[in-house]
Amino acid sequence: MSPEAIKLKRTESVLKELLPEAFGTLDDLRINGLNVIDVVCSRGRYDARVYLDPTGLNGQEQSEALKQLRKVSSHLSTYIRDTEAWYRAPKFTFEFDDQLERIDRMEKLFAQISSQKSEEPSDES
C-alpha cells in the first residue's frame, strides 16, 4: 500500500471516529443519535462522503436530518480542524446508507426462491 493510500485510510478512520463526537456537541436531537457507518475521502482528502445508519428513521426524518447536517457542516469542519489541528477539513457530503436494507431484501428473496424450489414436485419419471 502506498504512503498516500495509508494517509487516506488514516484520515477516513479519524473522521469516522470524530464525526459522532461532533454530532454530540450539537443541540439537535435529530443529529445527536446518528451513527456513522463509513467515511470515504476523495484522493486529495478535500471531500468526504459520510454514510449514516438510517435505522429508526423514516424517509421524512432522514431528509430533515440531511438538511440539518448541511446547515451545520461548517461547525463540524471547525470541530474536526480544532480537534486534530488540521489546516483544513474536508467538505462533507452526507447520505444514508441503505445497503443493509437491500441485503436484507435480497436474503428474503433468496429464502423465498429456495422455499419455492423445495415445494415443487421433482420430475423423476
N, C-alpha and C. Protein backbone atom coordinates (compact mmCIF):
# COMPACT_ATOMS: atom_id res chain seq x y z
N MET A 1 0.85 -1.17 0.00
CA MET A 1 0.00 0.00 0.00
C MET A 1 0.90 1.24 0.00
N SER A 2 0.57 2.18 -0.83
CA SER A 2 1.39 3.38 -0.96
C SER A 2 1.21 4.31 0.25
N PRO A 3 2.19 5.16 0.50
CA PRO A 3 2.06 6.09 1.64
C PRO A 3 0.83 7.00 1.53
N GLU A 4 0.49 7.40 0.30
CA GLU A 4 -0.70 8.26 0.12
C GLU A 4 -1.97 7.50 0.47
N ALA A 5 -2.05 6.23 0.11
CA ALA A 5 -3.22 5.42 0.44
C ALA A 5 -3.33 5.22 1.95
N ILE A 6 -2.19 5.09 2.61
CA ILE A 6 -2.19 4.93 4.06
C ILE A 6 -2.71 6.21 4.72
N LYS A 7 -2.27 7.37 4.24
CA LYS A 7 -2.75 8.64 4.78
C LYS A 7 -4.25 8.79 4.57
N LEU A 8 -4.72 8.37 3.40
CA LEU A 8 -6.14 8.46 3.09
C LEU A 8 -6.96 7.59 4.05
N LYS A 9 -6.52 6.36 4.27
CA LYS A 9 -7.22 5.46 5.18
C LYS A 9 -7.20 5.99 6.62
N ARG A 10 -6.07 6.57 7.01
CA ARG A 10 -5.97 7.14 8.36
C ARG A 10 -6.95 8.30 8.51
N THR A 11 -7.01 9.16 7.51
CA THR A 11 -7.94 10.29 7.55
C THR A 11 -9.38 9.79 7.65
N GLU A 12 -9.72 8.78 6.87
CA GLU A 12 -11.08 8.23 6.91
C GLU A 12 -11.40 7.66 8.29
N SER A 13 -10.46 6.94 8.89
CA SER A 13 -10.74 6.35 10.20
C SER A 13 -10.85 7.43 11.29
N VAL A 14 -10.02 8.48 11.20
CA VAL A 14 -10.12 9.58 12.17
C VAL A 14 -11.47 10.27 12.04
N LEU A 15 -11.91 10.52 10.81
CA LEU A 15 -13.20 11.17 10.60
C LEU A 15 -14.35 10.28 11.09
N LYS A 16 -14.23 8.98 10.86
CA LYS A 16 -15.27 8.05 11.30
C LYS A 16 -15.40 8.06 12.82
N GLU A 17 -14.31 8.33 13.50
CA GLU A 17 -14.33 8.38 14.96
C GLU A 17 -14.79 9.75 15.48
N LEU A 18 -14.35 10.83 14.83
CA LEU A 18 -14.62 12.17 15.34
C LEU A 18 -16.00 12.71 14.99
N LEU A 19 -16.56 12.30 13.86
CA LEU A 19 -17.86 12.84 13.46
C LEU A 19 -18.98 12.55 14.47
N PRO A 20 -19.08 11.32 15.02
CA PRO A 20 -20.11 11.12 16.05
C PRO A 20 -19.89 12.01 17.28
N GLU A 21 -18.63 12.27 17.63
CA GLU A 21 -18.34 13.18 18.73
C GLU A 21 -18.84 14.59 18.39
N ALA A 22 -18.59 15.00 17.15
CA ALA A 22 -19.03 16.32 16.71
C ALA A 22 -20.55 16.41 16.70
N PHE A 23 -21.23 15.32 16.29
CA PHE A 23 -22.69 15.30 16.33
C PHE A 23 -23.18 15.50 17.75
N GLY A 24 -22.48 14.93 18.72
CA GLY A 24 -22.87 15.03 20.12
C GLY A 24 -22.78 16.44 20.68
N THR A 25 -21.96 17.28 20.07
CA THR A 25 -21.82 18.67 20.55
C THR A 25 -22.98 19.55 20.12
N LEU A 26 -23.79 19.07 19.21
CA LEU A 26 -24.91 19.86 18.70
C LEU A 26 -26.13 19.69 19.58
N ASP A 27 -27.01 20.67 19.57
CA ASP A 27 -28.22 20.64 20.39
C ASP A 27 -29.41 19.99 19.68
N ASP A 28 -29.20 19.52 18.47
CA ASP A 28 -30.30 18.95 17.68
C ASP A 28 -30.40 17.44 17.93
N LEU A 29 -31.51 17.01 18.47
CA LEU A 29 -31.70 15.59 18.78
C LEU A 29 -31.75 14.71 17.54
N ARG A 30 -32.13 15.29 16.39
CA ARG A 30 -32.16 14.51 15.15
C ARG A 30 -30.77 14.08 14.73
N ILE A 31 -29.78 14.87 15.11
CA ILE A 31 -28.41 14.61 14.67
C ILE A 31 -27.59 13.90 15.75
N ASN A 32 -27.88 14.17 17.01
CA ASN A 32 -27.09 13.60 18.11
C ASN A 32 -26.98 12.07 18.05
N GLY A 33 -28.05 11.42 17.70
CA GLY A 33 -28.07 9.97 17.74
C GLY A 33 -27.65 9.27 16.45
N LEU A 34 -27.19 10.02 15.46
CA LEU A 34 -26.81 9.40 14.19
C LEU A 34 -25.51 8.62 14.32
N ASN A 35 -25.47 7.47 13.68
CA ASN A 35 -24.27 6.63 13.67
C ASN A 35 -23.61 6.71 12.30
N VAL A 36 -22.30 6.86 12.30
CA VAL A 36 -21.53 6.90 11.06
C VAL A 36 -21.14 5.47 10.71
N ILE A 37 -21.56 5.02 9.54
CA ILE A 37 -21.22 3.68 9.08
C ILE A 37 -19.86 3.68 8.42
N ASP A 38 -19.63 4.66 7.54
CA ASP A 38 -18.37 4.70 6.81
C ASP A 38 -18.10 6.12 6.35
N VAL A 39 -16.82 6.41 6.10
CA VAL A 39 -16.40 7.67 5.53
C VAL A 39 -15.47 7.35 4.37
N VAL A 40 -15.74 7.96 3.22
CA VAL A 40 -14.90 7.74 2.04
C VAL A 40 -14.41 9.12 1.58
N CYS A 41 -13.09 9.29 1.62
CA CYS A 41 -12.49 10.56 1.21
C CYS A 41 -12.04 10.48 -0.24
N SER A 42 -12.02 11.64 -0.89
CA SER A 42 -11.50 11.70 -2.25
C SER A 42 -9.98 11.60 -2.18
N ARG A 43 -9.35 11.49 -3.34
CA ARG A 43 -7.90 11.27 -3.38
C ARG A 43 -7.13 12.38 -2.67
N GLY A 44 -7.53 13.60 -2.84
CA GLY A 44 -6.82 14.70 -2.22
C GLY A 44 -7.29 15.01 -0.82
N ARG A 45 -8.22 14.24 -0.30
CA ARG A 45 -8.81 14.42 1.03
C ARG A 45 -9.50 15.78 1.17
N TYR A 46 -9.98 16.32 0.06
CA TYR A 46 -10.69 17.59 0.09
C TYR A 46 -12.18 17.39 0.27
N ASP A 47 -12.67 16.24 -0.10
CA ASP A 47 -14.09 15.91 0.02
C ASP A 47 -14.22 14.60 0.77
N ALA A 48 -15.27 14.51 1.58
CA ALA A 48 -15.53 13.27 2.31
C ALA A 48 -17.01 12.95 2.21
N ARG A 49 -17.31 11.75 1.77
CA ARG A 49 -18.69 11.27 1.72
C ARG A 49 -18.92 10.45 2.99
N VAL A 50 -19.90 10.88 3.78
CA VAL A 50 -20.18 10.25 5.07
C VAL A 50 -21.47 9.46 4.95
N TYR A 51 -21.37 8.15 5.22
CA TYR A 51 -22.53 7.26 5.15
C TYR A 51 -23.07 7.06 6.56
N LEU A 52 -24.36 7.31 6.72
CA LEU A 52 -25.02 7.26 8.02
C LEU A 52 -25.98 6.09 8.10
N ASP A 53 -26.22 5.61 9.31
CA ASP A 53 -27.13 4.50 9.56
C ASP A 53 -28.56 5.02 9.61
N PRO A 54 -29.45 4.51 8.75
CA PRO A 54 -30.83 5.00 8.72
C PRO A 54 -31.76 4.31 9.71
N THR A 55 -31.25 3.43 10.55
CA THR A 55 -32.09 2.66 11.45
C THR A 55 -32.92 3.56 12.36
N GLY A 56 -34.20 3.32 12.37
CA GLY A 56 -35.11 4.06 13.24
C GLY A 56 -35.61 5.38 12.67
N LEU A 57 -35.23 5.70 11.44
CA LEU A 57 -35.68 6.95 10.83
C LEU A 57 -36.49 6.64 9.58
N ASN A 58 -37.62 7.32 9.43
CA ASN A 58 -38.39 7.17 8.20
C ASN A 58 -37.85 8.15 7.16
N GLY A 59 -38.40 8.15 5.99
CA GLY A 59 -37.91 8.98 4.89
C GLY A 59 -37.94 10.47 5.21
N GLN A 60 -39.02 10.93 5.85
CA GLN A 60 -39.13 12.35 6.20
C GLN A 60 -38.07 12.74 7.22
N GLU A 61 -37.87 11.91 8.23
CA GLU A 61 -36.85 12.21 9.26
C GLU A 61 -35.45 12.20 8.66
N GLN A 62 -35.20 11.29 7.72
CA GLN A 62 -33.89 11.25 7.07
C GLN A 62 -33.64 12.53 6.28
N SER A 63 -34.66 12.98 5.56
CA SER A 63 -34.48 14.19 4.77
C SER A 63 -34.28 15.41 5.66
N GLU A 64 -34.98 15.48 6.79
CA GLU A 64 -34.79 16.59 7.74
C GLU A 64 -33.40 16.55 8.34
N ALA A 65 -32.92 15.35 8.68
CA ALA A 65 -31.58 15.22 9.27
C ALA A 65 -30.51 15.65 8.26
N LEU A 66 -30.67 15.25 6.99
CA LEU A 66 -29.70 15.65 5.96
C LEU A 66 -29.70 17.16 5.76
N LYS A 67 -30.89 17.76 5.80
CA LYS A 67 -30.98 19.21 5.66
C LYS A 67 -30.26 19.90 6.81
N GLN A 68 -30.47 19.39 8.01
CA GLN A 68 -29.82 19.96 9.19
C GLN A 68 -28.31 19.76 9.15
N LEU A 69 -27.86 18.61 8.67
CA LEU A 69 -26.42 18.34 8.57
C LEU A 69 -25.75 19.28 7.57
N ARG A 70 -26.45 19.60 6.49
CA ARG A 70 -25.90 20.56 5.52
C ARG A 70 -25.72 21.93 6.18
N LYS A 71 -26.66 22.29 7.05
CA LYS A 71 -26.58 23.59 7.71
C LYS A 71 -25.42 23.66 8.70
N VAL A 72 -25.13 22.55 9.38
CA VAL A 72 -24.10 22.57 10.43
C VAL A 72 -22.76 22.01 9.96
N SER A 73 -22.60 21.79 8.67
CA SER A 73 -21.35 21.19 8.19
C SER A 73 -20.14 22.08 8.48
N SER A 74 -20.31 23.40 8.49
CA SER A 74 -19.17 24.27 8.81
C SER A 74 -18.77 24.11 10.28
N HIS A 75 -19.74 23.93 11.17
CA HIS A 75 -19.43 23.67 12.58
C HIS A 75 -18.68 22.35 12.72
N LEU A 76 -19.12 21.34 12.00
CA LEU A 76 -18.45 20.05 12.05
C LEU A 76 -17.01 20.16 11.55
N SER A 77 -16.81 20.90 10.47
CA SER A 77 -15.46 21.10 9.93
C SER A 77 -14.57 21.80 10.95
N THR A 78 -15.11 22.82 11.60
CA THR A 78 -14.35 23.53 12.62
C THR A 78 -13.99 22.61 13.78
N TYR A 79 -14.92 21.79 14.21
CA TYR A 79 -14.67 20.84 15.29
C TYR A 79 -13.54 19.88 14.90
N ILE A 80 -13.60 19.35 13.69
CA ILE A 80 -12.57 18.41 13.22
C ILE A 80 -11.21 19.11 13.14
N ARG A 81 -11.18 20.31 12.57
CA ARG A 81 -9.92 21.06 12.45
C ARG A 81 -9.31 21.33 13.82
N ASP A 82 -10.13 21.77 14.76
CA ASP A 82 -9.61 22.10 16.08
C ASP A 82 -9.15 20.86 16.85
N THR A 83 -9.89 19.77 16.72
CA THR A 83 -9.55 18.56 17.45
C THR A 83 -8.26 17.93 16.93
N GLU A 84 -8.11 17.88 15.62
CA GLU A 84 -6.95 17.21 15.03
C GLU A 84 -5.82 18.18 14.66
N ALA A 85 -6.04 19.48 14.84
CA ALA A 85 -5.05 20.51 14.49
C ALA A 85 -4.68 20.43 13.01
N TRP A 86 -5.70 20.21 12.18
CA TRP A 86 -5.51 20.20 10.73
C TRP A 86 -5.64 21.62 10.21
N TYR A 87 -4.98 21.88 9.10
CA TYR A 87 -5.09 23.19 8.47
C TYR A 87 -6.48 23.37 7.85
N ARG A 88 -6.98 22.31 7.25
CA ARG A 88 -8.33 22.36 6.69
C ARG A 88 -8.97 20.99 6.82
N ALA A 89 -10.27 20.99 6.91
CA ALA A 89 -11.05 19.75 6.99
C ALA A 89 -11.73 19.53 5.64
N PRO A 90 -12.03 18.29 5.31
CA PRO A 90 -12.71 18.05 4.03
C PRO A 90 -14.13 18.60 4.03
N LYS A 91 -14.63 18.81 2.84
CA LYS A 91 -16.03 19.22 2.66
C LYS A 91 -16.87 17.95 2.78
N PHE A 92 -17.87 17.98 3.64
CA PHE A 92 -18.66 16.79 3.92
C PHE A 92 -19.90 16.71 3.04
N THR A 93 -20.17 15.50 2.58
CA THR A 93 -21.41 15.17 1.90
C THR A 93 -22.03 14.00 2.67
N PHE A 94 -23.24 14.19 3.14
CA PHE A 94 -23.88 13.18 3.97
C PHE A 94 -24.96 12.45 3.18
N GLU A 95 -25.04 11.14 3.44
CA GLU A 95 -26.14 10.36 2.87
C GLU A 95 -26.38 9.13 3.74
N PHE A 96 -27.61 8.68 3.72
CA PHE A 96 -27.96 7.49 4.49
C PHE A 96 -27.66 6.26 3.66
N ASP A 97 -27.07 5.26 4.31
CA ASP A 97 -26.66 4.04 3.63
C ASP A 97 -27.79 3.01 3.73
N ASP A 98 -28.38 2.68 2.59
CA ASP A 98 -29.47 1.71 2.57
C ASP A 98 -28.99 0.32 2.15
N GLN A 99 -27.70 0.10 2.18
CA GLN A 99 -27.15 -1.18 1.74
C GLN A 99 -27.64 -2.33 2.62
N LEU A 100 -27.75 -2.11 3.93
CA LEU A 100 -28.22 -3.17 4.82
C LEU A 100 -29.65 -3.57 4.49
N GLU A 101 -30.48 -2.59 4.15
CA GLU A 101 -31.86 -2.89 3.77
C GLU A 101 -31.90 -3.70 2.47
N ARG A 102 -31.05 -3.33 1.51
CA ARG A 102 -31.02 -4.06 0.24
C ARG A 102 -30.55 -5.50 0.45
N ILE A 103 -29.55 -5.68 1.30
CA ILE A 103 -29.06 -7.03 1.59
C ILE A 103 -30.16 -7.86 2.25
N ASP A 104 -30.90 -7.25 3.17
CA ASP A 104 -31.98 -7.95 3.84
C ASP A 104 -33.06 -8.37 2.85
N ARG A 105 -33.41 -7.45 1.93
CA ARG A 105 -34.42 -7.79 0.90
C ARG A 105 -33.93 -8.92 0.01
N MET A 106 -32.65 -8.90 -0.36
CA MET A 106 -32.11 -9.95 -1.22
C MET A 106 -32.13 -11.29 -0.50
N GLU A 107 -31.79 -11.31 0.79
CA GLU A 107 -31.80 -12.56 1.55
C GLU A 107 -33.22 -13.12 1.65
N LYS A 108 -34.20 -12.24 1.82
CA LYS A 108 -35.60 -12.69 1.86
C LYS A 108 -36.02 -13.28 0.53
N LEU A 109 -35.58 -12.66 -0.58
CA LEU A 109 -35.91 -13.19 -1.90
C LEU A 109 -35.27 -14.55 -2.12
N PHE A 110 -34.00 -14.70 -1.72
CA PHE A 110 -33.32 -15.99 -1.86
C PHE A 110 -34.01 -17.06 -1.02
N ALA A 111 -34.44 -16.69 0.18
CA ALA A 111 -35.16 -17.65 1.02
C ALA A 111 -36.49 -18.04 0.38
N GLN A 112 -37.16 -17.07 -0.21
CA GLN A 112 -38.44 -17.36 -0.88
C GLN A 112 -38.21 -18.27 -2.08
N ILE A 113 -37.17 -18.02 -2.84
CA ILE A 113 -36.87 -18.86 -4.02
C ILE A 113 -36.54 -20.28 -3.58
N SER A 114 -35.73 -20.42 -2.54
CA SER A 114 -35.36 -21.76 -2.10
C SER A 114 -36.55 -22.51 -1.53
N SER A 115 -37.47 -21.82 -0.86
CA SER A 115 -38.66 -22.50 -0.34
C SER A 115 -39.58 -22.92 -1.48
N GLN A 116 -39.65 -22.11 -2.55
CA GLN A 116 -40.46 -22.48 -3.70
C GLN A 116 -39.86 -23.68 -4.42
N LYS A 117 -38.56 -23.74 -4.52
CA LYS A 117 -37.91 -24.88 -5.18
C LYS A 117 -38.11 -26.16 -4.38
N SER A 118 -38.09 -26.04 -3.06
CA SER A 118 -38.28 -27.24 -2.24
C SER A 118 -39.73 -27.72 -2.26
N GLU A 119 -40.68 -26.83 -2.56
CA GLU A 119 -42.09 -27.20 -2.62
C GLU A 119 -42.47 -27.81 -3.96
N GLU A 120 -41.69 -27.55 -5.02
CA GLU A 120 -42.02 -28.07 -6.34
C GLU A 120 -41.82 -29.57 -6.38
N PRO A 121 -42.75 -30.29 -7.00
CA PRO A 121 -42.56 -31.74 -7.14
C PRO A 121 -41.44 -32.01 -8.12
N SER A 122 -40.63 -32.97 -7.81
CA SER A 122 -39.49 -33.29 -8.68
C SER A 122 -39.94 -34.21 -9.79
N ASP A 123 -39.37 -34.04 -10.95
CA ASP A 123 -39.66 -34.85 -12.13
C ASP A 123 -38.68 -36.02 -12.17
N GLU A 124 -39.07 -37.18 -11.64
CA GLU A 124 -38.18 -38.32 -11.64
C GLU A 124 -38.75 -39.47 -12.43
N SER A 125 -39.53 -39.20 -13.48
CA SER A 125 -40.08 -40.30 -14.25
C SER A 125 -39.30 -40.57 -15.49
